[in-house]
PDB file of N, CA and C in Angstrom:
ATOM      1  N   MET A   1      75.849-223.787 -63.403  1.00  0.00           N
ATOM      2  CA  MET A   1      77.147-224.226 -62.910  1.00  0.00           C
ATOM      3  C   MET A   1      76.983-225.567 -62.195  1.00  0.00           C
ATOM      4  N   MET A   2      77.856-226.532 -62.519  1.00  0.00           N
ATOM      5  CA  MET A   2      77.799-227.845 -61.884  1.00  0.00           C
ATOM      6  C   MET A   2      78.519-227.809 -60.542  1.00  0.00           C
ATOM      7  N   PRO A   3      78.023-228.602 -59.588  1.00  0.00           N
ATOM      8  CA  PRO A   3      78.732-228.669 -58.303  1.00  0.00           C
ATOM      9  C   PRO A   3      80.146-229.214 -58.492  1.00  0.00           C
ATOM     10  N   GLN A   4      81.004-228.878 -57.554  1.00  0.00           N
ATOM     11  CA  GLN A   4      82.407-229.266 -57.679  1.00  0.00           C
ATOM     12  C   GLN A   4      82.605-230.774 -57.645  1.00  0.00           C
ATOM     13  N   TYR A   5      81.776-231.495 -56.866  1.00  0.00           N
ATOM     14  CA  TYR A   5      81.978-232.942 -56.786  1.00  0.00           C
ATOM     15  C   TYR A   5      81.647-233.623 -58.118  1.00  0.00           C
ATOM     16  N   LEU A   6      80.728-233.040 -58.905  1.00  0.00           N
ATOM     17  CA  LEU A   6      80.455-233.604 -60.227  1.00  0.00           C
ATOM     18  C   LEU A   6      81.607-233.333 -61.186  1.00  0.00           C
ATOM     19  N   ASP A   7      82.193-232.138 -61.107  1.00  0.00           N
ATOM     20  CA  ASP A   7      83.361-231.834 -61.929  1.00  0.00           C
ATOM     21  C   ASP A   7      84.502-232.792 -61.627  1.00  0.00           C
ATOM     22  N   ALA A   8      84.727-233.039 -60.332  1.00  0.00           N
ATOM     23  CA  ALA A   8      85.812-233.933 -59.933  1.00  0.00           C
ATOM     24  C   ALA A   8      85.534-235.357 -60.403  1.00  0.00           C
ATOM     25  N   ALA A   9      84.269-235.798 -60.332  1.00  0.00           N
ATOM     26  CA  ALA A   9      83.928-237.147 -60.760  1.00  0.00           C
ATOM     27  C   ALA A   9      84.121-237.313 -62.258  1.00  0.00           C
ATOM     28  N   ILE A  10      83.760-236.291 -63.012  1.00  0.00           N
ATOM     29  CA  ILE A  10      83.920-236.357 -64.473  1.00  0.00           C
ATOM     30  C   ILE A  10      85.398-236.372 -64.842  1.00  0.00           C
ATOM     31  N   LEU A  11      86.180-235.527 -64.196  1.00  0.00           N
ATOM     32  CA  LEU A  11      87.616-235.485 -64.482  1.00  0.00           C
ATOM     33  C   LEU A  11      88.307-236.775 -64.056  1.00  0.00           C
ATOM     34  N   ALA A  12      87.884-237.331 -62.924  1.00  0.00           N
ATOM     35  CA  ALA A  12      88.497-238.568 -62.459  1.00  0.00           C
ATOM     36  C   ALA A  12      88.132-239.719 -63.386  1.00  0.00           C
ATOM     37  N   GLY A  13      86.933-239.704 -63.933  1.00  0.00           N
ATOM     38  CA  GLY A  13      86.516-240.747 -64.847  1.00  0.00           C
ATOM     39  C   GLY A  13      87.315-240.757 -66.130  1.00  0.00           C
ATOM     40  N   GLU A  14      87.762-239.602 -66.554  1.00  0.00           N
ATOM     41  CA  GLU A  14      88.574-239.530 -67.763  1.00  0.00           C
ATOM     42  C   GLU A  14      89.987-240.018 -67.519  1.00  0.00           C
ATOM     43  N   ALA A  15      90.475-239.896 -66.294  1.00  0.00           N
ATOM     44  CA  ALA A  15      91.857-240.245 -65.999  1.00  0.00           C
ATOM     45  C   ALA A  15      92.015-241.717 -65.623  1.00  0.00           C
ATOM     46  N   VAL A  16      90.935-242.455 -65.424  1.00  0.00           N
ATOM     47  CA  VAL A  16      91.035-243.838 -64.968  1.00  0.00           C
ATOM     48  C   VAL A  16      91.405-244.736 -66.137  1.00  0.00           C
ATOM     49  N   GLU A  17      92.388-245.587 -65.902  1.00  0.00           N
ATOM     50  CA  GLU A  17      92.769-246.575 -66.911  1.00  0.00           C
ATOM     51  C   GLU A  17      92.181-247.921 -66.529  1.00  0.00           C
ATOM     52  N   HIS A  18      91.686-248.628 -67.483  1.00  0.00           N
ATOM     53  CA  HIS A  18      91.119-249.946 -67.220  1.00  0.00           C
ATOM     54  C   HIS A  18      92.224-250.984 -67.311  1.00  0.00           C
ATOM     55  N   THR A  19      92.212-251.889 -66.332  1.00  0.00           N
ATOM     56  CA  THR A  19      93.203-252.962 -66.341  1.00  0.00           C
ATOM     57  C   THR A  19      92.505-254.275 -66.649  1.00  0.00           C
ATOM     58  N   GLU A  20      93.234-255.203 -67.191  1.00  0.00           N
ATOM     59  CA  GLU A  20      92.707-256.521 -67.523  1.00  0.00           C
ATOM     60  C   GLU A  20      92.674-257.385 -66.268  1.00  0.00           C
ATOM     61  N   LEU A  21      91.717-258.291 -66.218  1.00  0.00           N
ATOM     62  CA  LEU A  21      91.654-259.254 -65.117  1.00  0.00           C
ATOM     63  C   LEU A  21      92.787-260.259 -65.274  1.00  0.00           C
ATOM     64  N   PRO A  22      93.303-260.807 -64.168  1.00  0.00           N
ATOM     65  CA  PRO A  22      94.406-261.763 -64.276  1.00  0.00           C
ATOM     66  C   PRO A  22      93.984-263.100 -64.899  1.00  0.00           C
ATOM     67  N   MET A  23      92.690-263.376 -64.952  1.00  0.00           N
ATOM     68  CA  MET A  23      92.190-264.598 -65.596  1.00  0.00           C
ATOM     69  C   MET A  23      90.822-264.289 -66.180  1.00  0.00           C
ATOM     70  N   PRO A  24      90.312-265.148 -67.033  1.00  0.00           N
ATOM     71  CA  PRO A  24      89.000-264.873 -67.632  1.00  0.00           C
ATOM     72  C   PRO A  24      87.905-264.779 -66.571  1.00  0.00           C
ATOM     73  N   ALA A  25      86.881-264.008 -66.860  1.00  0.00           N
ATOM     74  CA  ALA A  25      85.817-263.770 -65.886  1.00  0.00           C
ATOM     75  C   ALA A  25      85.087-265.062 -65.525  1.00  0.00           C
ATOM     76  N   ILE A  26      84.941-265.975 -66.458  1.00  0.00           N
ATOM     77  CA  ILE A  26      84.249-267.239 -66.183  1.00  0.00           C
ATOM     78  C   ILE A  26      85.009-268.076 -65.153  1.00  0.00           C
ATOM     79  N   ALA A  27      86.315-267.904 -65.068  1.00  0.00           N
ATOM     80  CA  ALA A  27      87.120-268.660 -64.112  1.00  0.00           C
ATOM     81  C   ALA A  27      86.755-268.304 -62.672  1.00  0.00           C
ATOM     82  N   TYR A  28      86.419-267.044 -62.422  1.00  0.00           N
ATOM     83  CA  TYR A  28      86.007-266.646 -61.068  1.00  0.00           C
ATOM     84  C   TYR A  28      84.726-267.372 -60.669  1.00  0.00           C
ATOM     85  N   GLY A  29      83.786-267.461 -61.580  1.00  0.00           N
ATOM     86  CA  GLY A  29      82.544-268.180 -61.304  1.00  0.00           C
ATOM     87  C   GLY A  29      82.779-269.659 -61.073  1.00  0.00           C
ATOM     88  N   LEU A  30      83.676-270.259 -61.861  1.00  0.00           N
ATOM     89  CA  LEU A  30      83.969-271.688 -61.690  1.00  0.00           C
ATOM     90  C   LEU A  30      84.666-271.962 -60.357  1.00  0.00           C
ATOM     91  N   ILE A  31      85.535-271.065 -59.945  1.00  0.00           N
ATOM     92  CA  ILE A  31      86.214-271.231 -58.650  1.00  0.00           C
ATOM     93  C   ILE A  31      85.202-271.151 -57.514  1.00  0.00           C
ATOM     94  N   VAL A  32      84.314-270.160 -57.566  1.00  0.00           N
ATOM     95  CA  VAL A  32      83.293-270.011 -56.522  1.00  0.00           C
ATOM     96  C   VAL A  32      82.365-271.228 -56.522  1.00  0.00           C
ATOM     97  N   MET A  33      81.978-271.706 -57.713  1.00  0.00           N
ATOM     98  CA  MET A  33      81.121-272.887 -57.804  1.00  0.00           C
ATOM     99  C   MET A  33      81.810-274.110 -57.202  1.00  0.00           C
ATOM    100  N   GLY A  34      83.092-274.265 -57.457  1.00  0.00           N
ATOM    101  CA  GLY A  34      83.832-275.380 -56.880  1.00  0.00           C
ATOM    102  C   GLY A  34      83.897-275.313 -55.363  1.00  0.00           C
ATOM    103  N   ILE A  35      84.125-274.124 -54.827  1.00  0.00           N
ATOM    104  CA  ILE A  35      84.175-273.957 -53.371  1.00  0.00           C
ATOM    105  C   ILE A  35      82.825-274.279 -52.752  1.00  0.00           C
ATOM    106  N   LEU A  36      81.744-273.799 -53.364  1.00  0.00           N
ATOM    107  CA  LEU A  36      80.405-274.071 -52.832  1.00  0.00           C
ATOM    108  C   LEU A  36      80.057-275.555 -52.923  1.00  0.00           C
ATOM    109  N   LEU A  37      80.464-276.222 -54.006  1.00  0.00           N
ATOM    110  CA  LEU A  37      80.225-277.666 -54.120  1.00  0.00           C
ATOM    111  C   LEU A  37      81.008-278.439 -53.056  1.00  0.00           C
ATOM    112  N   LEU A  38      82.227-278.012 -52.799  1.00  0.00           N
ATOM    113  CA  LEU A  38      83.021-278.657 -51.748  1.00  0.00           C
ATOM    114  C   LEU A  38      82.349-278.491 -50.390  1.00  0.00           C
ATOM    115  N   LEU A  39      81.859-277.288 -50.088  1.00  0.00           N
ATOM    116  CA  LEU A  39      81.161-277.065 -48.819  1.00  0.00           C
ATOM    117  C   LEU A  39      79.873-277.884 -48.744  1.00  0.00           C
ATOM    118  N   MET A  40      79.183-278.044 -49.878  1.00  0.00           N
ATOM    119  CA  MET A  40      77.969-278.852 -49.901  1.00  0.00           C
ATOM    120  C   MET A  40      78.282-280.318 -49.609  1.00  0.00           C
ATOM    121  N   LEU A  41      79.372-280.835 -50.184  1.00  0.00           N
ATOM    122  CA  LEU A  41      79.750-282.228 -49.937  1.00  0.00           C
ATOM    123  C   LEU A  41      80.158-282.442 -48.484  1.00  0.00           C
ATOM    124  N   ILE A  42      80.841-281.485 -47.904  1.00  0.00           N
ATOM    125  CA  ILE A  42      81.207-281.588 -46.481  1.00  0.00           C
ATOM    126  C   ILE A  42      79.948-281.603 -45.623  1.00  0.00           C
ATOM    127  N   THR A  43      78.986-280.747 -45.938  1.00  0.00           N
ATOM    128  CA  THR A  43      77.728-280.707 -45.187  1.00  0.00           C
ATOM    129  C   THR A  43      76.949-282.000 -45.366  1.00  0.00           C
ATOM    130  N   ALA A  44      76.891-282.519 -46.573  1.00  0.00           N
ATOM    131  CA  ALA A  44      76.143-283.755 -46.847  1.00  0.00           C
ATOM    132  C   ALA A  44      76.787-284.952 -46.155  1.00  0.00           C
ATOM    133  N   SER A  45      78.082-284.916 -45.901  1.00  0.00           N
ATOM    134  CA  SER A  45      78.732-286.043 -45.241  1.00  0.00           C
ATOM    135  C   SER A  45      78.285-286.190 -43.785  1.00  0.00           C
ATOM    136  N   PHE A  46      77.722-285.140 -43.199  1.00  0.00           N
ATOM    137  CA  PHE A  46      77.227-285.198 -41.834  1.00  0.00           C
ATOM    138  C   PHE A  46      75.729-285.484 -41.763  1.00  0.00           C
ATOM    139  N   ALA A  47      75.071-285.741 -42.887  1.00  0.00           N
ATOM    140  CA  ALA A  47      73.615-285.866 -42.929  1.00  0.00           C
ATOM    141  C   ALA A  47      73.107-287.079 -42.151  1.00  0.00           C
ATOM    142  N   ASN A  48      73.778-288.201 -42.197  1.00  0.00           N
ATOM    143  CA  ASN A  48      73.291-289.433 -41.581  1.00  0.00           C
ATOM    144  C   ASN A  48      73.996-289.724 -40.256  1.00  0.00           C
ATOM    145  N   LEU A  49      74.631-288.763 -39.686  1.00  0.00           N
ATOM    146  CA  LEU A  49      75.431-288.967 -38.478  1.00  0.00           C
ATOM    147  C   LEU A  49      74.576-289.353 -37.275  1.00  0.00           C
ATOM    148  N   GLY A  50      73.361-288.857 -37.191  1.00  0.00           N
ATOM    149  CA  GLY A  50      72.504-289.140 -36.048  1.00  0.00           C
ATOM    150  C   GLY A  50      71.974-290.563 -36.017  1.00  0.00           C
ATOM    151  N   ASN A  51      72.032-291.280 -37.120  1.00  0.00           N
ATOM    152  CA  ASN A  51      71.513-292.649 -37.177  1.00  0.00           C
ATOM    153  C   ASN A  51      72.561-293.695 -36.846  1.00  0.00           C
ATOM    154  N   ARG A  52      73.736-293.310 -36.460  1.00  0.00           N
ATOM    155  CA  ARG A  52      74.795-294.277 -36.159  1.00  0.00           C
ATOM    156  C   ARG A  52      74.582-294.977 -34.814  1.00  0.00           C
ATOM    157  N   HIS A  53      73.899-294.329 -33.901  1.00  0.00           N
ATOM    158  CA  HIS A  53      73.710-294.877 -32.564  1.00  0.00           C
ATOM    159  C   HIS A  53      72.243-295.200 -32.355  1.00  0.00           C
ATOM    160  N   SER A  54      72.004-296.228 -31.543  1.00  0.00           N
ATOM    161  CA  SER A  54      70.615-296.588 -31.277  1.00  0.00           C
ATOM    162  C   SER A  54      69.970-295.559 -30.356  1.00  0.00           C
ATOM    163  N   ALA A  55      68.683-295.397 -30.518  1.00  0.00           N
ATOM    164  CA  ALA A  55      67.954-294.421 -29.711  1.00  0.00           C
ATOM    165  C   ALA A  55      67.785-294.949 -28.292  1.00  0.00           C
ATOM    166  N   THR A  56      67.920-294.085 -27.322  1.00  0.00           N
ATOM    167  CA  THR A  56      67.702-294.445 -25.924  1.00  0.00           C
ATOM    168  C   THR A  56      66.580-293.583 -25.374  1.00  0.00           C
ATOM    169  N   GLU A  57      65.926-294.093 -24.344  1.00  0.00           N
ATOM    170  CA  GLU A  57      64.844-293.337 -23.742  1.00  0.00           C
ATOM    171  C   GLU A  57      65.404-292.131 -23.002  1.00  0.00           C
ATOM    172  N   GLU A  58      64.633-291.084 -22.995  1.00  0.00           N
ATOM    173  CA  GLU A  58      65.051-289.866 -22.338  1.00  0.00           C
ATOM    174  C   GLU A  58      64.928-290.028 -20.831  1.00  0.00           C
ATOM    175  N   HIS A  59      65.965-289.649 -20.117  1.00  0.00           N
ATOM    176  CA  HIS A  59      65.925-289.671 -18.654  1.00  0.00           C
ATOM    177  C   HIS A  59      65.390-288.327 -18.180  1.00  0.00           C
ATOM    178  N   ILE A  60      64.321-288.372 -17.442  1.00  0.00           N
ATOM    179  CA  ILE A  60      63.721-287.135 -16.958  1.00  0.00           C
ATOM    180  C   ILE A  60      64.224-286.877 -15.548  1.00  0.00           C
ATOM    181  N   ASP A  61      64.877-285.767 -15.371  1.00  0.00           N
ATOM    182  CA  ASP A  61      65.443-285.382 -14.094  1.00  0.00           C
ATOM    183  C   ASP A  61      64.392-284.583 -13.317  1.00  0.00           C
ATOM    184  N   PRO A  62      63.935-285.109 -12.153  1.00  0.00           N
ATOM    185  CA  PRO A  62      62.914-284.371 -11.401  1.00  0.00           C
ATOM    186  C   PRO A  62      63.447-283.076 -10.791  1.00  0.00           C
ATOM    187  N   HIS A  63      64.770-282.935 -10.709  1.00  0.00           N
ATOM    188  CA  HIS A  63      65.366-281.741 -10.116  1.00  0.00           C
ATOM    189  C   HIS A  63      65.709-280.684 -11.165  1.00  0.00           C
ATOM    190  N   LYS A  64      65.294-280.925 -12.360  1.00  0.00           N
ATOM    191  CA  LYS A  64      65.545-279.979 -13.437  1.00  0.00           C
ATOM    192  C   LYS A  64      64.769-278.684 -13.161  1.00  0.00           C
ATOM    193  N   GLN A  65      65.403-277.546 -13.350  1.00  0.00           N
ATOM    194  CA  GLN A  65      64.757-276.282 -13.016  1.00  0.00           C
ATOM    195  C   GLN A  65      63.620-275.954 -13.974  1.00  0.00           C
ATOM    196  N   HIS A  66      63.812-276.219 -15.244  1.00  0.00           N
ATOM    197  CA  HIS A  66      62.795-275.887 -16.233  1.00  0.00           C
ATOM    198  C   HIS A  66      62.180-277.179 -16.748  1.00  0.00           C
ATOM    199  N   ALA A  67      60.889-277.298 -16.600  1.00  0.00           N
ATOM    200  CA  ALA A  67      60.205-278.505 -17.044  1.00  0.00           C
ATOM    201  C   ALA A  67      60.210-278.584 -18.559  1.00  0.00           C
ATOM    202  N   ASN A  68      60.359-279.814 -19.061  1.00  0.00           N
ATOM    203  CA  ASN A  68      60.306-280.043 -20.498  1.00  0.00           C
ATOM    204  C   ASN A  68      58.846-280.243 -20.872  1.00  0.00           C
ATOM    205  N   ASN A  69      58.210-279.224 -21.355  1.00  0.00           N
ATOM    206  CA  ASN A  69      56.801-279.303 -21.707  1.00  0.00           C
ATOM    207  C   ASN A  69      56.588-279.764 -23.139  1.00  0.00           C
ATOM    208  N   HIS A  70      57.650-280.180 -23.808  1.00  0.00           N
ATOM    209  CA  HIS A  70      57.543-280.518 -25.211  1.00  0.00           C
ATOM    210  C   HIS A  70      57.337-282.011 -25.456  1.00  0.00           C
ATOM    211  N   ASP A  71      57.444-282.852 -24.418  1.00  0.00           N
ATOM    212  CA  ASP A  71      57.298-284.292 -24.661  1.00  0.00           C
ATOM    213  C   ASP A  71      55.842-284.739 -24.648  1.00  0.00           C
ATOM    214  N   HIS A  72      54.926-283.923 -24.177  1.00  0.00           N
ATOM    215  CA  HIS A  72      53.485-284.197 -24.177  1.00  0.00           C
ATOM    216  C   HIS A  72      53.161-285.547 -23.516  1.00  0.00           C
ATOM    217  N   GLY A  73      53.904-285.880 -22.473  1.00  0.00           N
ATOM    218  CA  GLY A  73      53.642-287.108 -21.743  1.00  0.00           C
ATOM    219  C   GLY A  73      54.156-288.357 -22.405  1.00  0.00           C
ATOM    220  N   GLU A  74      54.989-288.230 -23.454  1.00  0.00           N
ATOM    221  CA  GLU A  74      55.488-289.402 -24.170  1.00  0.00           C
ATOM    222  C   GLU A  74      56.637-290.069 -23.422  1.00  0.00           C
ATOM    223  N   ALA A  75      57.456-289.297 -22.737  1.00  0.00           N
ATOM    224  CA  ALA A  75      58.587-289.866 -22.018  1.00  0.00           C
ATOM    225  C   ALA A  75      58.106-290.476 -20.692  1.00  0.00           C
ATOM    226  N   GLN A  76      58.723-291.596 -20.327  1.00  0.00           N
ATOM    227  CA  GLN A  76      58.304-292.260 -19.078  1.00  0.00           C
ATOM    228  C   GLN A  76      59.212-291.765 -17.962  1.00  0.00           C
ATOM    229  N   ARG A  77      58.585-291.529 -16.816  1.00  0.00           N
ATOM    230  CA  ARG A  77      59.371-291.098 -15.647  1.00  0.00           C
ATOM    231  C   ARG A  77      59.914-292.324 -14.945  1.00  0.00           C
ATOM    232  N   HIS A  78      61.147-292.235 -14.444  1.00  0.00           N
ATOM    233  CA  HIS A  78      61.775-293.377 -13.746  1.00  0.00           C
ATOM    234  C   HIS A  78      61.635-293.183 -12.258  1.00  0.00           C
TER     235      HIS A  78
END
């Protein structure tokens, strides 16, 4: 004897009608590809943003609570 949930699944599978997609399946992929390309172009437009301004020396604050141990003595103290 099969469990009741298998009987219900088999009966439900026979009663299901398949519907057509509103557009061809390839269109969904093209839409997603277009959205991802648009997001890539938006991201790429910010790639050179940091080079617009000239570099300035880092000001080291002696009252800073946490010491910046990452400069390895490269920054000059004022």
